[in-house]
């Protein structure tokens, strides 16, 4: 679960359009 949340959080940082 934590891994999923981290992946989502990192995605927001990696993709500014998201």
Protein backbone atom coordinates (compact mmCIF):
# COMPACT_ATOMS: atom_id res chain seq x y z
CA UNK A 1 0.00 0.00 0.00
CA UNK A 2 2.78 2.40 0.93
CA UNK A 3 4.58 1.58 -2.30
CA UNK A 4 1.45 2.46 -4.26
CA UNK A 5 1.06 5.77 -2.46
CA UNK A 6 4.71 6.66 -3.00
CA UNK A 7 4.44 5.82 -6.70
CA UNK A 8 1.44 8.09 -7.03
CA UNK A 9 3.13 10.90 -5.06
CA UNK A 10 6.30 10.64 -7.11
CA UNK A 11 4.24 10.68 -10.30
CA UNK A 12 2.84 14.09 -9.37
CA UNK A 13 6.38 15.42 -8.98
CA UNK A 14 7.73 13.76 -12.10
CA UNK A 15 4.80 14.88 -14.25
CA UNK A 16 3.82 18.54 -13.69
CA UNK A 17 0.91 18.20 -16.12
CA UNK A 18 -0.59 15.59 -13.82
